[in-house]
Amino acid sequence: MLPGTAITKVITRLDDWYARHSKFLRGKRDKLKDCAPPSIISGHHFTKKSRHQDAAREYLEAYKLLPENPLINLCVGTALINLALGHRLQNRHQCVALGLAFLYKNLQLCEFSQEAFFNIARAYHHVGLVTLAAWHYDKVLAMHVQDYPIPKLPHEKPESVENLLPGYCDIRREAAFNLHLIYKRSGAVDLARQIIMFLISDIVTELNERVASYSLVWFSRKC
């Protein structure tokens, strides 16, 4: 199973690929009942098409096989949250609660990681529960994450992370931006301004670190 970052790349390329190989994929899914990837790939395709009910069905089939997989719990949770916002669904509150249950299980499986907290905050933000969203965004802002290699697809050439700014795996900026939107919309302009100042200071600090590292490399080469 591909890591989450690589799956995003796969989803963006599913249109032509899925149309050509959907029959093969359905055959594999029917033949290999104990294999989760075909259901996950189908779920990603339905998610891209905004067919969230079909996506949730496919993800739940994968969940039956791998209930302790963090990615599958994340996919089921997000599909149910998106499904709950549809106009045809009657039991929206139950669907939201069920989706959040999967996201909280993902939080536990990911050992309360920054990304898992952000996913829950974004879900609350998406359904309009901004008070709970703000609390979880604050949890994200209080956490620091070390950088790690970005996964690549098999046909992609490995690239050096030297061209990436330090902190490219840290999503505090995204959380801060979303939190500032909540404060701004609720009328708490001062709090929104504080978050913006946090963003600016964080960016300036990272740029200074980048300049310092470049200067050190240049000086070492001159010596």
C-alpha atoms as a PDB file:
ATOM      1  CA  MET A   1       0.000   0.000   0.000  1.00  0.00           C
ATOM      2  CA  LEU A   2       1.309   3.422  -0.948  1.00  0.00           C
ATOM      3  CA  PRO A   3       1.941   6.138   1.636  1.00  0.00           C
ATOM      4  CA  GLY A   4      -0.539   9.001   1.834  1.00  0.00           C
ATOM      5  CA  THR A   5       1.620  11.494  -0.076  1.00  0.00           C
ATOM      6  CA  ALA A   6       2.084   9.127  -2.992  1.00  0.00           C
ATOM      7  CA  ILE A   7      -1.637   8.292  -3.043  1.00  0.00           C
ATOM      8  CA  THR A   8      -2.390  11.957  -3.718  1.00  0.00           C
ATOM      9  CA  LYS A   9      -0.265  11.671  -6.847  1.00  0.00           C
ATOM     10  CA  VAL A  10      -2.037   8.493  -7.873  1.00  0.00           C
ATOM     11  CA  ILE A  11      -5.480  10.065  -7.504  1.00  0.00           C
ATOM     12  CA  THR A  12      -4.575  12.934  -9.822  1.00  0.00           C
ATOM     13  CA  ARG A  13      -3.739  10.435 -12.577  1.00  0.00           C
ATOM     14  CA  LEU A  14      -6.685   8.077 -12.207  1.00  0.00           C
ATOM     15  CA  ASP A  15      -8.919   9.407 -14.996  1.00  0.00           C
ATOM     16  CA  ASP A  16      -7.368   7.718 -18.019  1.00  0.00           C
ATOM     17  CA  TRP A  17      -5.807   4.864 -16.071  1.00  0.00           C
ATOM     18  CA  TYR A  18      -9.030   3.815 -14.352  1.00  0.00           C
ATOM     19  CA  ALA A  19     -11.040   3.950 -17.564  1.00  0.00           C
ATOM     20  CA  ARG A  20      -8.596   1.553 -19.236  1.00  0.00           C
ATOM     21  CA  HIS A  21      -8.116  -0.859 -16.350  1.00  0.00           C
ATOM     22  CA  SER A  22     -11.393  -0.732 -14.410  1.00  0.00           C
ATOM     23  CA  LYS A  23     -12.479  -4.130 -15.731  1.00  0.00           C
ATOM     24  CA  PHE A  24      -9.172  -5.696 -14.699  1.00  0.00           C
ATOM     25  CA  LEU A  25      -9.414  -4.054 -11.275  1.00  0.00           C
ATOM     26  CA  ARG A  26     -12.968  -5.297 -10.721  1.00  0.00           C
ATOM     27  CA  GLY A  27     -11.880  -8.788 -11.700  1.00  0.00           C
ATOM     28  CA  LYS A  28      -9.018  -8.733  -9.219  1.00  0.00           C
ATOM     29  CA  ARG A  29     -11.293  -7.373  -6.504  1.00  0.00           C
ATOM     30  CA  ASP A  30     -13.814 -10.169  -7.069  1.00  0.00           C
ATOM     31  CA  LYS A  31     -11.131 -12.846  -7.296  1.00  0.00           C
ATOM     32  CA  LEU A  32      -8.942 -11.707  -4.408  1.00  0.00           C
ATOM     33  CA  LYS A  33     -11.466 -11.274  -1.637  1.00  0.00           C
ATOM     34  CA  ASP A  34      -8.763 -10.888   0.996  1.00  0.00           C
ATOM     35  CA  CYS A  35      -6.850  -8.159  -0.877  1.00  0.00           C
ATOM     36  CA  ALA A  36      -7.462  -4.560   0.196  1.00  0.00           C
ATOM     37  CA  PRO A  37      -5.600  -2.452  -2.455  1.00  0.00           C
ATOM     38  CA  PRO A  38      -8.197  -2.937  -5.258  1.00  0.00           C
ATOM     39  CA  SER A  39     -10.946  -1.606  -3.007  1.00  0.00           C
ATOM     40  CA  ILE A  40      -8.760   1.277  -1.861  1.00  0.00           C
ATOM     41  CA  ILE A  41      -7.900   2.268  -5.442  1.00  0.00           C
ATOM     42  CA  SER A  42     -11.576   2.123  -6.408  1.00  0.00           C
ATOM     43  CA  GLY A  43     -12.406   4.253  -3.388  1.00  0.00           C
ATOM     44  CA  HIS A  44      -9.839   6.849  -4.468  1.00  0.00           C
ATOM     45  CA  HIS A  45     -11.384   6.923  -7.935  1.00  0.00           C
ATOM     46  CA  PHE A  46     -14.877   7.516  -6.530  1.00  0.00           C
ATOM     47  CA  THR A  47     -13.503  10.189  -4.209  1.00  0.00           C
ATOM     48  CA  LYS A  48     -11.996  12.023  -7.163  1.00  0.00           C
ATOM     49  CA  LYS A  49     -15.389  11.848  -8.884  1.00  0.00           C
ATOM     50  CA  SER A  50     -17.117  13.157  -5.700  1.00  0.00           C
ATOM     51  CA  ARG A  51     -19.100   9.913  -5.428  1.00  0.00           C
ATOM     52  CA  HIS A  52     -18.602   9.729  -1.695  1.00  0.00           C
ATOM     53  CA  GLN A  53     -21.187   7.041  -1.002  1.00  0.00           C
ATOM     54  CA  ASP A  54     -19.509   4.657  -3.434  1.00  0.00           C
ATOM     55  CA  ALA A  55     -16.106   5.660  -2.031  1.00  0.00           C
ATOM     56  CA  ALA A  56     -17.231   4.929   1.531  1.00  0.00           C
ATOM     57  CA  ARG A  57     -18.509   1.512   0.444  1.00  0.00           C
ATOM     58  CA  GLU A  58     -15.174   0.608  -1.142  1.00  0.00           C
ATOM     59  CA  TYR A  59     -13.161   1.882   1.823  1.00  0.00           C
ATOM     60  CA  LEU A  60     -15.348  -0.090   4.238  1.00  0.00           C
ATOM     61  CA  GLU A  61     -14.644  -3.244   2.253  1.00  0.00           C
ATOM     62  CA  ALA A  62     -10.936  -2.571   2.770  1.00  0.00           C
ATOM     63  CA  TYR A  63     -11.592  -1.786   6.439  1.00  0.00           C
ATOM     64  CA  LYS A  64     -13.063  -5.268   6.932  1.00  0.00           C
ATOM     65  CA  LEU A  65      -9.686  -6.691   5.888  1.00  0.00           C
ATOM     66  CA  LEU A  66      -7.393  -4.205   7.629  1.00  0.00           C
ATOM     67  CA  PRO A  67      -9.280  -2.549  10.500  1.00  0.00           C
ATOM     68  CA  GLU A  68      -6.092  -1.351  12.217  1.00  0.00           C
ATOM     69  CA  ASN A  69      -4.637   0.362   9.156  1.00  0.00           C
ATOM     70  CA  PRO A  70      -4.307   4.140   9.731  1.00  0.00           C
ATOM     71  CA  LEU A  71      -4.729   5.064   6.064  1.00  0.00           C
ATOM     72  CA  ILE A  72      -7.931   3.075   5.642  1.00  0.00           C
ATOM     73  CA  ASN A  73      -9.439   4.599   8.784  1.00  0.00           C
ATOM     74  CA  LEU A  74      -8.550   8.038   7.444  1.00  0.00           C
ATOM     75  CA  CYS A  75     -10.128   7.282   4.065  1.00  0.00           C
ATOM     76  CA  VAL A  76     -13.346   5.927   5.604  1.00  0.00           C
ATOM     77  CA  GLY A  77     -13.611   8.907   7.942  1.00  0.00           C
ATOM     78  CA  THR A  78     -13.126  11.536   5.231  1.00  0.00           C
ATOM     79  CA  ALA A  79     -15.523   9.761   2.868  1.00  0.00           C
ATOM     80  CA  LEU A  80     -18.254   9.695   5.537  1.00  0.00           C
ATOM     81  CA  ILE A  81     -17.687  13.350   6.422  1.00  0.00           C
ATOM     82  CA  ASN A  82     -18.000  14.331   2.758  1.00  0.00           C
ATOM     83  CA  LEU A  83     -21.050  12.108   2.405  1.00  0.00           C
ATOM     84  CA  ALA A  84     -22.702  13.788   5.389  1.00  0.00           C
ATOM     85  CA  LEU A  85     -22.555  17.153   3.620  1.00  0.00           C
ATOM     86  CA  GLY A  86     -24.574  15.875   0.684  1.00  0.00           C
ATOM     87  CA  HIS A  87     -28.115  17.097   0.083  1.00  0.00           C
ATOM     88  CA  ARG A  88     -29.737  13.675  -0.205  1.00  0.00           C
ATOM     89  CA  LEU A  89     -28.622  12.209   3.103  1.00  0.00           C
ATOM     90  CA  GLN A  90     -31.175  12.272   5.928  1.00  0.00           C
ATOM     91  CA  ASN A  91     -29.145  10.985   8.905  1.00  0.00           C
ATOM     92  CA  ARG A  92     -26.351  13.541   8.556  1.00  0.00           C
ATOM     93  CA  HIS A  93     -25.553  13.772  12.258  1.00  0.00           C
ATOM     94  CA  GLN A  94     -25.093  10.019  12.527  1.00  0.00           C
ATOM     95  CA  CYS A  95     -22.867  10.012   9.459  1.00  0.00           C
ATOM     96  CA  VAL A  96     -20.719  12.839  10.852  1.00  0.00           C
ATOM     97  CA  ALA A  97     -20.365  11.065  14.199  1.00  0.00           C
ATOM     98  CA  LEU A  98     -19.373   7.839  12.464  1.00  0.00           C
ATOM     99  CA  GLY A  99     -16.833   9.623  10.274  1.00  0.00           C
ATOM    100  CA  LEU A 100     -15.284  11.322  13.290  1.00  0.00           C
ATOM    101  CA  ALA A 101     -15.074   7.973  15.066  1.00  0.00           C
ATOM    102  CA  PHE A 102     -12.888   6.669  12.251  1.00  0.00           C
ATOM    103  CA  LEU A 103     -10.761   9.817  12.324  1.00  0.00           C
ATOM    104  CA  TYR A 104     -10.227   9.485  16.070  1.00  0.00           C
ATOM    105  CA  LYS A 105      -9.228   5.874  15.569  1.00  0.00           C
ATOM    106  CA  ASN A 106      -6.743   7.091  12.980  1.00  0.00           C
ATOM    107  CA  LEU A 107      -5.470   9.520  15.620  1.00  0.00           C
ATOM    108  CA  GLN A 108      -4.819   6.656  18.024  1.00  0.00           C
ATOM    109  CA  LEU A 109      -3.206   4.467  15.371  1.00  0.00           C
ATOM    110  CA  CYS A 110      -0.923   7.345  14.358  1.00  0.00           C
ATOM    111  CA  GLU A 111       0.075   7.834  18.004  1.00  0.00           C
ATOM    112  CA  PHE A 112      -1.516  11.296  18.214  1.00  0.00           C
ATOM    113  CA  SER A 113       0.558  12.742  15.399  1.00  0.00           C
ATOM    114  CA  GLN A 114       0.350  16.308  14.143  1.00  0.00           C
ATOM    115  CA  GLU A 115      -1.172  15.244  10.838  1.00  0.00           C
ATOM    116  CA  ALA A 116      -3.902  13.209  12.549  1.00  0.00           C
ATOM    117  CA  PHE A 117      -4.860  16.177  14.735  1.00  0.00           C
ATOM    118  CA  PHE A 118      -4.971  18.384  11.642  1.00  0.00           C
ATOM    119  CA  ASN A 119      -7.262  15.919   9.853  1.00  0.00           C
ATOM    120  CA  ILE A 120      -9.735  16.000  12.738  1.00  0.00           C
ATOM    121  CA  ALA A 121      -9.548  19.789  12.936  1.00  0.00           C
ATOM    122  CA  ARG A 122     -10.198  20.040   9.218  1.00  0.00           C
ATOM    123  CA  ALA A 123     -13.178  17.691   9.525  1.00  0.00           C
ATOM    124  CA  TYR A 124     -14.724  19.789  12.291  1.00  0.00           C
ATOM    125  CA  HIS A 125     -14.012  22.916  10.250  1.00  0.00           C
ATOM    126  CA  HIS A 126     -15.619  21.330   7.202  1.00  0.00           C
ATOM    127  CA  VAL A 127     -18.898  20.551   8.981  1.00  0.00           C
ATOM    128  CA  GLY A 128     -19.035  23.918  10.745  1.00  0.00           C
ATOM    129  CA  LEU A 129     -18.067  22.903  14.294  1.00  0.00           C
ATOM    130  CA  VAL A 130     -15.510  25.694  14.495  1.00  0.00           C
ATOM    131  CA  THR A 131     -15.034  25.654  18.283  1.00  0.00           C
ATOM    132  CA  LEU A 132     -13.830  22.046  18.188  1.00  0.00           C
ATOM    133  CA  ALA A 133     -11.852  22.791  15.038  1.00  0.00           C
ATOM    134  CA  ALA A 134     -10.025  25.669  16.749  1.00  0.00           C
ATOM    135  CA  TRP A 135      -9.109  23.460  19.715  1.00  0.00           C
ATOM    136  CA  HIS A 136      -7.579  20.821  17.434  1.00  0.00           C
ATOM    137  CA  TYR A 137      -5.788  23.453  15.332  1.00  0.00           C
ATOM    138  CA  ASP A 138      -4.215  24.721  18.561  1.00  0.00           C
ATOM    139  CA  LYS A 139      -2.976  21.195  19.232  1.00  0.00           C
ATOM    140  CA  VAL A 140      -1.329  21.190  15.799  1.00  0.00           C
ATOM    141  CA  LEU A 141       0.358  24.541  16.460  1.00  0.00           C
ATOM    142  CA  ALA A 142       1.843  23.203  19.686  1.00  0.00           C
ATOM    143  CA  MET A 143       3.560  20.288  17.910  1.00  0.00           C
ATOM    144  CA  HIS A 144       6.819  20.235  15.935  1.00  0.00           C
ATOM    145  CA  VAL A 145       7.522  17.573  13.316  1.00  0.00           C
ATOM    146  CA  GLN A 146      10.882  16.606  11.879  1.00  0.00           C
ATOM    147  CA  ASP A 147      11.291  16.372   8.130  1.00  0.00           C
ATOM    148  CA  TYR A 148      11.360  12.978   6.473  1.00  0.00           C
ATOM    149  CA  PRO A 149      11.845  11.812   2.864  1.00  0.00           C
ATOM    150  CA  ILE A 150       8.862  12.347   0.581  1.00  0.00           C
ATOM    151  CA  PRO A 151       7.726   9.016  -0.933  1.00  0.00           C
ATOM    152  CA  LYS A 152       8.088   8.607  -4.675  1.00  0.00           C
ATOM    153  CA  LEU A 153       6.162   6.534  -7.167  1.00  0.00           C
ATOM    154  CA  PRO A 154       8.124   3.694  -8.840  1.00  0.00           C
ATOM    155  CA  HIS A 155       8.609   5.572 -12.130  1.00  0.00           C
ATOM    156  CA  GLU A 156       9.680   8.838 -10.512  1.00  0.00           C
ATOM    157  CA  LYS A 157      13.295   9.812 -10.165  1.00  0.00           C
ATOM    158  CA  PRO A 158      14.470  10.347  -6.600  1.00  0.00           C
ATOM    159  CA  GLU A 159      15.061  14.013  -5.876  1.00  0.00           C
ATOM    160  CA  SER A 160      17.164  15.594  -3.210  1.00  0.00           C
ATOM    161  CA  VAL A 161      15.420  17.369  -0.352  1.00  0.00           C
ATOM    162  CA  GLU A 162      18.031  20.117  -0.496  1.00  0.00           C
ATOM    163  CA  ASN A 163      15.716  22.265  -2.619  1.00  0.00           C
ATOM    164  CA  LEU A 164      12.978  22.120   0.013  1.00  0.00           C
ATOM    165  CA  LEU A 165      12.793  24.609   2.846  1.00  0.00           C
ATOM    166  CA  PRO A 166      13.239  23.218   6.354  1.00  0.00           C
ATOM    167  CA  GLY A 167       9.944  22.214   7.910  1.00  0.00           C
ATOM    168  CA  TYR A 168       8.301  20.954   4.725  1.00  0.00           C
ATOM    169  CA  CYS A 169       6.683  18.158   6.731  1.00  0.00           C
ATOM    170  CA  ASP A 170       5.385  20.548   9.389  1.00  0.00           C
ATOM    171  CA  ILE A 171       1.764  21.612   8.805  1.00  0.00           C
ATOM    172  CA  ARG A 172       1.579  24.295  11.472  1.00  0.00           C
ATOM    173  CA  ARG A 173       1.302  26.966   8.782  1.00  0.00           C
ATOM    174  CA  GLU A 174      -1.748  25.315   7.263  1.00  0.00           C
ATOM    175  CA  ALA A 175      -3.316  24.977  10.711  1.00  0.00           C
ATOM    176  CA  ALA A 176      -2.523  28.594  11.547  1.00  0.00           C
ATOM    177  CA  PHE A 177      -4.046  29.856   8.310  1.00  0.00           C
ATOM    178  CA  ASN A 178      -7.265  27.885   8.868  1.00  0.00           C
ATOM    179  CA  LEU A 179      -7.424  29.010  12.484  1.00  0.00           C
ATOM    180  CA  HIS A 180      -7.034  32.643  11.440  1.00  0.00           C
ATOM    181  CA  LEU A 181      -9.985  32.187   9.067  1.00  0.00           C
ATOM    182  CA  ILE A 182     -12.121  30.924  11.959  1.00  0.00           C
ATOM    183  CA  TYR A 183     -11.171  33.868  14.182  1.00  0.00           C
ATOM    184  CA  LYS A 184     -11.682  36.366  11.362  1.00  0.00           C
ATOM    185  CA  ARG A 185     -15.117  35.051  10.480  1.00  0.00           C
ATOM    186  CA  SER A 186     -16.219  35.016  14.126  1.00  0.00           C
ATOM    187  CA  GLY A 187     -15.181  38.655  14.556  1.00  0.00           C
ATOM    188  CA  ALA A 188     -12.103  37.993  16.713  1.00  0.00           C
ATOM    189  CA  VAL A 189      -9.871  40.227  14.606  1.00  0.00           C
ATOM    190  CA  ASP A 190      -7.157  40.546  17.262  1.00  0.00           C
ATOM    191  CA  LEU A 191      -6.794  36.775  17.554  1.00  0.00           C
ATOM    192  CA  ALA A 192      -6.699  36.460  13.768  1.00  0.00           C
ATOM    193  CA  ARG A 193      -3.971  39.109  13.659  1.00  0.00           C
ATOM    194  CA  GLN A 194      -1.943  37.204  16.264  1.00  0.00           C
ATOM    195  CA  ILE A 195      -2.118  34.056  14.135  1.00  0.00           C
ATOM    196  CA  ILE A 196      -0.974  36.004  11.061  1.00  0.00           C
ATOM    197  CA  MET A 197       1.974  37.388  13.023  1.00  0.00           C
ATOM    198  CA  PHE A 198       2.822  33.830  14.083  1.00  0.00           C
ATOM    199  CA  LEU A 199       2.818  32.796  10.419  1.00  0.00           C
ATOM    200  CA  ILE A 200       5.072  35.689   9.420  1.00  0.00           C
ATOM    201  CA  SER A 201       7.567  35.082  12.233  1.00  0.00           C
ATOM    202  CA  ASP A 202       7.665  31.359  11.430  1.00  0.00           C
ATOM    203  CA  ILE A 203       8.366  32.023   7.752  1.00  0.00           C
ATOM    204  CA  VAL A 204      11.049  34.595   8.541  1.00  0.00           C
ATOM    205  CA  THR A 205      12.754  32.220  10.973  1.00  0.00           C
ATOM    206  CA  GLU A 206      12.882  29.421   8.409  1.00  0.00           C
ATOM    207  CA  LEU A 207      14.184  31.763   5.705  1.00  0.00           C
ATOM    208  CA  ASN A 208      16.939  32.946   8.045  1.00  0.00           C
ATOM    209  CA  GLU A 209      17.877  29.336   8.770  1.00  0.00           C
ATOM    210  CA  ARG A 210      17.966  28.641   5.046  1.00  0.00           C
ATOM    211  CA  VAL A 211      20.203  31.641   4.360  1.00  0.00           C
ATOM    212  CA  ALA A 212      22.504  30.643   7.219  1.00  0.00           C
ATOM    213  CA  SER A 213      22.842  27.099   5.869  1.00  0.00           C
ATOM    214  CA  TYR A 214      23.624  28.394   2.366  1.00  0.00           C
ATOM    215  CA  SER A 215      26.205  30.801   3.772  1.00  0.00           C
ATOM    216  CA  LEU A 216      27.847  27.982   5.704  1.00  0.00           C
ATOM    217  CA  VAL A 217      28.037  25.798   2.588  1.00  0.00           C
ATOM    218  CA  TRP A 218      29.466  28.674   0.514  1.00  0.00           C
ATOM    219  CA  PHE A 219      32.043  29.498   3.181  1.00  0.00           C
ATOM    220  CA  SER A 220      33.142  25.850   3.516  1.00  0.00           C
ATOM    221  CA  ARG A 221      33.625  25.584  -0.244  1.00  0.00           C
ATOM    222  CA  LYS A 222      35.702  28.770  -0.331  1.00  0.00           C
ATOM    223  CA  CYS A 223      37.904  27.433   2.417  1.00  0.00           C
END
